[in-house]
Amino acid sequence: MSTDHKGTKILARTFFNQLRAGGYTPNQIIGIATELIDLVASEIRESDKALPALEEDDLSSQEVSV
């Protein structure tokens, strides 16, 4: 197992334990995890939308320099 994967597992376990110690139920923690996944997915979608615009800009600048 890579160090990065171990670190991720440790962080997740710590976060989970802190939520449980704070009184969150398993169902509430699932809700939090779902929201986190939604936030990451939204950011990825926004990043993917920006990528074609950047590629078009690169192509435009190459055409000008030719």
PDB file of N, CA and C in Angstrom:
ATOM      1  N   MET A   1       0.845  -1.173   0.000  1.00  0.00           N
ATOM      2  CA  MET A   1       0.000   0.000   0.000  1.00  0.00           C
ATOM      3  C   MET A   1       0.892   1.238   0.000  1.00  0.00           C
ATOM      4  N   SER A   2       0.595   2.212  -0.874  1.00  0.00           N
ATOM      5  CA  SER A   2       1.434   3.403  -0.972  1.00  0.00           C
ATOM      6  C   SER A   2       1.240   4.300   0.245  1.00  0.00           C
ATOM      7  N   THR A   3       2.221   5.144   0.474  1.00  0.00           N
ATOM      8  CA  THR A   3       2.159   6.086   1.593  1.00  0.00           C
ATOM      9  C   THR A   3       0.965   7.009   1.448  1.00  0.00           C
ATOM     10  N   ASP A   4       0.703   7.459   0.211  1.00  0.00           N
ATOM     11  CA  ASP A   4      -0.432   8.349  -0.026  1.00  0.00           C
ATOM     12  C   ASP A   4      -1.748   7.663   0.335  1.00  0.00           C
ATOM     13  N   HIS A   5      -1.885   6.401  -0.046  1.00  0.00           N
ATOM     14  CA  HIS A   5      -3.109   5.650   0.262  1.00  0.00           C
ATOM     15  C   HIS A   5      -3.249   5.460   1.773  1.00  0.00           C
ATOM     16  N   LYS A   6      -2.146   5.175   2.437  1.00  0.00           N
ATOM     17  CA  LYS A   6      -2.187   5.024   3.893  1.00  0.00           C
ATOM     18  C   LYS A   6      -2.603   6.329   4.555  1.00  0.00           C
ATOM     19  N   GLY A   7      -2.045   7.430   4.072  1.00  0.00           N
ATOM     20  CA  GLY A   7      -2.396   8.737   4.632  1.00  0.00           C
ATOM     21  C   GLY A   7      -3.868   9.055   4.464  1.00  0.00           C
ATOM     22  N   THR A   8      -4.409   8.711   3.298  1.00  0.00           N
ATOM     23  CA  THR A   8      -5.823   8.933   3.032  1.00  0.00           C
ATOM     24  C   THR A   8      -6.681   8.108   3.976  1.00  0.00           C
ATOM     25  N   LYS A   9      -6.299   6.858   4.171  1.00  0.00           N
ATOM     26  CA  LYS A   9      -7.056   5.985   5.080  1.00  0.00           C
ATOM     27  C   LYS A   9      -6.999   6.510   6.517  1.00  0.00           C
ATOM     28  N   ILE A  10      -5.831   6.970   6.935  1.00  0.00           N
ATOM     29  CA  ILE A  10      -5.681   7.504   8.295  1.00  0.00           C
ATOM     30  C   ILE A  10      -6.545   8.758   8.463  1.00  0.00           C
ATOM     31  N   LEU A  11      -6.511   9.642   7.473  1.00  0.00           N
ATOM     32  CA  LEU A  11      -7.315  10.859   7.537  1.00  0.00           C
ATOM     33  C   LEU A  11      -8.802  10.530   7.613  1.00  0.00           C
ATOM     34  N   ALA A  12      -9.248   9.603   6.775  1.00  0.00           N
ATOM     35  CA  ALA A  12     -10.660   9.218   6.771  1.00  0.00           C
ATOM     36  C   ALA A  12     -11.062   8.610   8.112  1.00  0.00           C
ATOM     37  N   ARG A  13     -10.225   7.734   8.643  1.00  0.00           N
ATOM     38  CA  ARG A  13     -10.517   7.099   9.927  1.00  0.00           C
ATOM     39  C   ARG A  13     -10.580   8.150  11.045  1.00  0.00           C
ATOM     40  N   THR A  14      -9.639   9.089  11.036  1.00  0.00           N
ATOM     41  CA  THR A  14      -9.616  10.147  12.046  1.00  0.00           C
ATOM     42  C   THR A  14     -10.871  11.008  11.956  1.00  0.00           C
ATOM     43  N   PHE A  15     -11.224  11.389  10.729  1.00  0.00           N
ATOM     44  CA  PHE A  15     -12.427  12.199  10.513  1.00  0.00           C
ATOM     45  C   PHE A  15     -13.666  11.450  10.999  1.00  0.00           C
ATOM     46  N   PHE A  16     -13.768  10.183  10.639  1.00  0.00           N
ATOM     47  CA  PHE A  16     -14.887   9.351  11.075  1.00  0.00           C
ATOM     48  C   PHE A  16     -14.952   9.286  12.604  1.00  0.00           C
ATOM     49  N   ASN A  17     -13.810   9.004  13.237  1.00  0.00           N
ATOM     50  CA  ASN A  17     -13.791   8.892  14.697  1.00  0.00           C
ATOM     51  C   ASN A  17     -14.173  10.208  15.370  1.00  0.00           C
ATOM     52  N   GLN A  18     -13.729  11.328  14.798  1.00  0.00           N
ATOM     53  CA  GLN A  18     -14.087  12.626  15.369  1.00  0.00           C
ATOM     54  C   GLN A  18     -15.588  12.895  15.226  1.00  0.00           C
ATOM     55  N   LEU A  19     -16.139  12.528  14.079  1.00  0.00           N
ATOM     56  CA  LEU A  19     -17.583  12.704  13.894  1.00  0.00           C
ATOM     57  C   LEU A  19     -18.366  11.842  14.876  1.00  0.00           C
ATOM     58  N   ARG A  20     -17.952  10.587  15.012  1.00  0.00           N
ATOM     59  CA  ARG A  20     -18.639   9.690  15.956  1.00  0.00           C
ATOM     60  C   ARG A  20     -18.517  10.217  17.382  1.00  0.00           C
ATOM     61  N   ALA A  21     -17.321  10.682  17.760  1.00  0.00           N
ATOM     62  CA  ALA A  21     -17.113  11.228  19.110  1.00  0.00           C
ATOM     63  C   ALA A  21     -17.942  12.497  19.315  1.00  0.00           C
ATOM     64  N   GLY A  22     -18.217  13.192  18.212  1.00  0.00           N
ATOM     65  CA  GLY A  22     -19.032  14.402  18.285  1.00  0.00           C
ATOM     66  C   GLY A  22     -20.522  14.125  18.310  1.00  0.00           C
ATOM     67  N   GLY A  23     -20.890  12.852  18.274  1.00  0.00           N
ATOM     68  CA  GLY A  23     -22.295  12.492  18.393  1.00  0.00           C
ATOM     69  C   GLY A  23     -23.027  12.255  17.081  1.00  0.00           C
ATOM     70  N   TYR A  24     -22.314  12.290  15.972  1.00  0.00           N
ATOM     71  CA  TYR A  24     -22.968  12.035  14.688  1.00  0.00           C
ATOM     72  C   TYR A  24     -23.295  10.558  14.548  1.00  0.00           C
ATOM     73  N   THR A  25     -24.458  10.285  13.990  1.00  0.00           N
ATOM     74  CA  THR A  25     -24.877   8.903  13.760  1.00  0.00           C
ATOM     75  C   THR A  25     -24.255   8.410  12.450  1.00  0.00           C
ATOM     76  N   PRO A  26     -24.224   7.084  12.273  1.00  0.00           N
ATOM     77  CA  PRO A  26     -23.716   6.568  10.982  1.00  0.00           C
ATOM     78  C   PRO A  26     -24.461   7.145   9.779  1.00  0.00           C
ATOM     79  N   ASN A  27     -25.770   7.302   9.880  1.00  0.00           N
ATOM     80  CA  ASN A  27     -26.535   7.871   8.758  1.00  0.00           C
ATOM     81  C   ASN A  27     -26.155   9.329   8.501  1.00  0.00           C
ATOM     82  N   GLN A  28     -25.892  10.088   9.550  1.00  0.00           N
ATOM     83  CA  GLN A  28     -25.455  11.469   9.361  1.00  0.00           C
ATOM     84  C   GLN A  28     -24.071  11.516   8.708  1.00  0.00           C
ATOM     85  N   ILE A  29     -23.209  10.593   9.085  1.00  0.00           N
ATOM     86  CA  ILE A  29     -21.872  10.541   8.492  1.00  0.00           C
ATOM     87  C   ILE A  29     -21.960  10.174   7.018  1.00  0.00           C
ATOM     88  N   ILE A  30     -22.871   9.280   6.666  1.00  0.00           N
ATOM     89  CA  ILE A  30     -23.085   8.961   5.253  1.00  0.00           C
ATOM     90  C   ILE A  30     -23.543  10.210   4.504  1.00  0.00           C
ATOM     91  N   GLY A  31     -24.411  10.994   5.124  1.00  0.00           N
ATOM     92  CA  GLY A  31     -24.862  12.248   4.509  1.00  0.00           C
ATOM     93  C   GLY A  31     -23.700  13.202   4.283  1.00  0.00           C
ATOM     94  N   ILE A  32     -22.810  13.313   5.263  1.00  0.00           N
ATOM     95  CA  ILE A  32     -21.629  14.173   5.131  1.00  0.00           C
ATOM     96  C   ILE A  32     -20.738  13.662   4.009  1.00  0.00           C
ATOM     97  N   ALA A  33     -20.520  12.359   3.968  1.00  0.00           N
ATOM     98  CA  ALA A  33     -19.677  11.766   2.919  1.00  0.00           C
ATOM     99  C   ALA A  33     -20.287  12.020   1.540  1.00  0.00           C
ATOM    100  N   THR A  34     -21.590  11.917   1.435  1.00  0.00           N
ATOM    101  CA  THR A  34     -22.279  12.165   0.171  1.00  0.00           C
ATOM    102  C   THR A  34     -22.079  13.616  -0.263  1.00  0.00           C
ATOM    103  N   GLU A  35     -22.198  14.542   0.675  1.00  0.00           N
ATOM    104  CA  GLU A  35     -21.981  15.953   0.357  1.00  0.00           C
ATOM    105  C   GLU A  35     -20.547  16.204  -0.098  1.00  0.00           C
ATOM    106  N   LEU A  36     -19.580  15.567   0.556  1.00  0.00           N
ATOM    107  CA  LEU A  36     -18.182  15.708   0.148  1.00  0.00           C
ATOM    108  C   LEU A  36     -17.973  15.208  -1.281  1.00  0.00           C
ATOM    109  N   ILE A  37     -18.556  14.060  -1.581  1.00  0.00           N
ATOM    110  CA  ILE A  37     -18.436  13.502  -2.930  1.00  0.00           C
ATOM    111  C   ILE A  37     -19.084  14.440  -3.943  1.00  0.00           C
ATOM    112  N   ASP A  38     -20.243  15.005  -3.606  1.00  0.00           N
ATOM    113  CA  ASP A  38     -20.911  15.951  -4.502  1.00  0.00           C
ATOM    114  C   ASP A  38     -20.042  17.179  -4.763  1.00  0.00           C
ATOM    115  N   LEU A  39     -19.382  17.683  -3.718  1.00  0.00           N
ATOM    116  CA  LEU A  39     -18.509  18.844  -3.881  1.00  0.00           C
ATOM    117  C   LEU A  39     -17.333  18.535  -4.803  1.00  0.00           C
ATOM    118  N   VAL A  40     -16.729  17.383  -4.612  1.00  0.00           N
ATOM    119  CA  VAL A  40     -15.599  16.986  -5.455  1.00  0.00           C
ATOM    120  C   VAL A  40     -16.064  16.791  -6.899  1.00  0.00           C
ATOM    121  N   ALA A  41     -17.199  16.132  -7.074  1.00  0.00           N
ATOM    122  CA  ALA A  41     -17.722  15.895  -8.424  1.00  0.00           C
ATOM    123  C   ALA A  41     -18.035  17.218  -9.117  1.00  0.00           C
ATOM    124  N   SER A  42     -18.602  18.172  -8.400  1.00  0.00           N
ATOM    125  CA  SER A  42     -18.896  19.487  -8.979  1.00  0.00           C
ATOM    126  C   SER A  42     -17.625  20.188  -9.413  1.00  0.00           C
ATOM    127  N   GLU A  43     -16.603  20.108  -8.574  1.00  0.00           N
ATOM    128  CA  GLU A  43     -15.331  20.746  -8.913  1.00  0.00           C
ATOM    129  C   GLU A  43     -14.705  20.097 -10.150  1.00  0.00           C
ATOM    130  N   ILE A  44     -14.792  18.787 -10.244  1.00  0.00           N
ATOM    131  CA  ILE A  44     -14.256  18.082 -11.413  1.00  0.00           C
ATOM    132  C   ILE A  44     -15.021  18.493 -12.667  1.00  0.00           C
ATOM    133  N   ARG A  45     -16.352  18.571 -12.559  1.00  0.00           N
ATOM    134  CA  ARG A  45     -17.157  18.982 -13.719  1.00  0.00           C
ATOM    135  C   ARG A  45     -16.780  20.388 -14.169  1.00  0.00           C
ATOM    136  N   GLU A  46     -16.616  21.311 -13.208  1.00  0.00           N
ATOM    137  CA  GLU A  46     -16.236  22.686 -13.551  1.00  0.00           C
ATOM    138  C   GLU A  46     -14.861  22.714 -14.207  1.00  0.00           C
ATOM    139  N   SER A  47     -13.959  21.921 -13.696  1.00  0.00           N
ATOM    140  CA  SER A  47     -12.610  21.838 -14.257  1.00  0.00           C
ATOM    141  C   SER A  47     -12.663  21.287 -15.678  1.00  0.00           C
ATOM    142  N   ASP A  48     -13.512  20.286 -15.897  1.00  0.00           N
ATOM    143  CA  ASP A  48     -13.647  19.699 -17.237  1.00  0.00           C
ATOM    144  C   ASP A  48     -14.257  20.698 -18.224  1.00  0.00           C
ATOM    145  N   LYS A  49     -15.158  21.562 -17.742  1.00  0.00           N
ATOM    146  CA  LYS A  49     -15.753  22.577 -18.610  1.00  0.00           C
ATOM    147  C   LYS A  49     -14.713  23.614 -19.018  1.00  0.00           C
ATOM    148  N   ALA A  50     -13.812  23.937 -18.110  1.00  0.00           N
ATOM    149  CA  ALA A  50     -12.794  24.945 -18.385  1.00  0.00           C
ATOM    150  C   ALA A  50     -11.721  24.401 -19.319  1.00  0.00           C
ATOM    151  N   LEU A  51     -11.491  23.106 -19.308  1.00  0.00           N
ATOM    152  CA  LEU A  51     -10.436  22.500 -20.118  1.00  0.00           C
ATOM    153  C   LEU A  51     -10.615  22.751 -21.618  1.00  0.00           C
ATOM    154  N   PRO A  52     -11.803  22.538 -22.206  1.00  0.00           N
ATOM    155  CA  PRO A  52     -11.944  22.807 -23.644  1.00  0.00           C
ATOM    156  C   PRO A  52     -11.656  24.271 -23.981  1.00  0.00           C
ATOM    157  N   ALA A  53     -12.050  25.199 -23.121  1.00  0.00           N
ATOM    158  CA  ALA A  53     -11.781  26.615 -23.382  1.00  0.00           C
ATOM    159  C   ALA A  53     -10.277  26.874 -23.387  1.00  0.00           C
ATOM    160  N   LEU A  54      -9.554  26.249 -22.479  1.00  0.00           N
ATOM    161  CA  LEU A  54      -8.104  26.410 -22.437  1.00  0.00           C
ATOM    162  C   LEU A  54      -7.468  25.814 -23.685  1.00  0.00           C
ATOM    163  N   GLU A  55      -7.966  24.667 -24.118  1.00  0.00           N
ATOM    164  CA  GLU A  55      -7.427  24.028 -25.317  1.00  0.00           C
ATOM    165  C   GLU A  55      -7.673  24.904 -26.541  1.00  0.00           C
ATOM    166  N   GLU A  56      -8.850  25.544 -26.623  1.00  0.00           N
ATOM    167  CA  GLU A  56      -9.148  26.439 -27.733  1.00  0.00           C
ATOM    168  C   GLU A  56      -8.203  27.634 -27.720  1.00  0.00           C
ATOM    169  N   ASP A  57      -7.923  28.177 -26.523  1.00  0.00           N
ATOM    170  CA  ASP A  57      -6.993  29.294 -26.398  1.00  0.00           C
ATOM    171  C   ASP A  57      -5.607  28.885 -26.877  1.00  0.00           C
ATOM    172  N   ASP A  58      -5.179  27.688 -26.524  1.00  0.00           N
ATOM    173  CA  ASP A  58      -3.872  27.195 -26.955  1.00  0.00           C
ATOM    174  C   ASP A  58      -3.820  27.079 -28.469  1.00  0.00           C
ATOM    175  N   LEU A  59      -4.879  26.554 -29.061  1.00  0.00           N
ATOM    176  CA  LEU A  59      -4.917  26.414 -30.512  1.00  0.00           C
ATOM    177  C   LEU A  59      -4.895  27.784 -31.185  1.00  0.00           C
ATOM    178  N   SER A  60      -5.622  28.741 -30.642  1.00  0.00           N
ATOM    179  CA  SER A  60      -5.665  30.088 -31.203  1.00  0.00           C
ATOM    180  C   SER A  60      -4.293  30.722 -31.162  1.00  0.00           C
ATOM    181  N   SER A  61      -3.590  30.563 -30.054  1.00  0.00           N
ATOM    182  CA  SER A  61      -2.265  31.174 -29.940  1.00  0.00           C
ATOM    183  C   SER A  61      -1.275  30.494 -30.871  1.00  0.00           C
ATOM    184  N   GLN A  62      -1.448  29.217 -31.140  1.00  0.00           N
ATOM    185  CA  GLN A  62      -0.562  28.523 -32.078  1.00  0.00           C
ATOM    186  C   GLN A  62      -0.811  28.995 -33.499  1.00  0.00           C
ATOM    187  N   GLU A  63      -2.068  29.245 -33.842  1.00  0.00           N
ATOM    188  CA  GLU A  63      -2.395  29.712 -35.187  1.00  0.00           C
ATOM    189  C   GLU A  63      -1.802  31.097 -35.429  1.00  0.00           C
ATOM    190  N   VAL A  64      -1.806  31.944 -34.432  1.00  0.00           N
ATOM    191  CA  VAL A  64      -1.274  33.289 -34.564  1.00  0.00           C
ATOM    192  C   VAL A  64       0.230  33.252 -34.774  1.00  0.00           C
ATOM    193  N   SER A  65       0.910  32.353 -34.092  1.00  0.00           N
ATOM    194  CA  SER A  65       2.365  32.302 -34.170  1.00  0.00           C
ATOM    195  C   SER A  65       2.874  31.589 -35.416  1.00  0.00           C
ATOM    196  N   VAL A  66       1.979  30.958 -36.170  1.00  0.00           N
ATOM    197  CA  VAL A  66       2.409  30.212 -37.354  1.00  0.00           C
ATOM    198  C   VAL A  66       2.667  31.108 -38.513  1.00  0.00           C
TER     199      VAL A  66
END
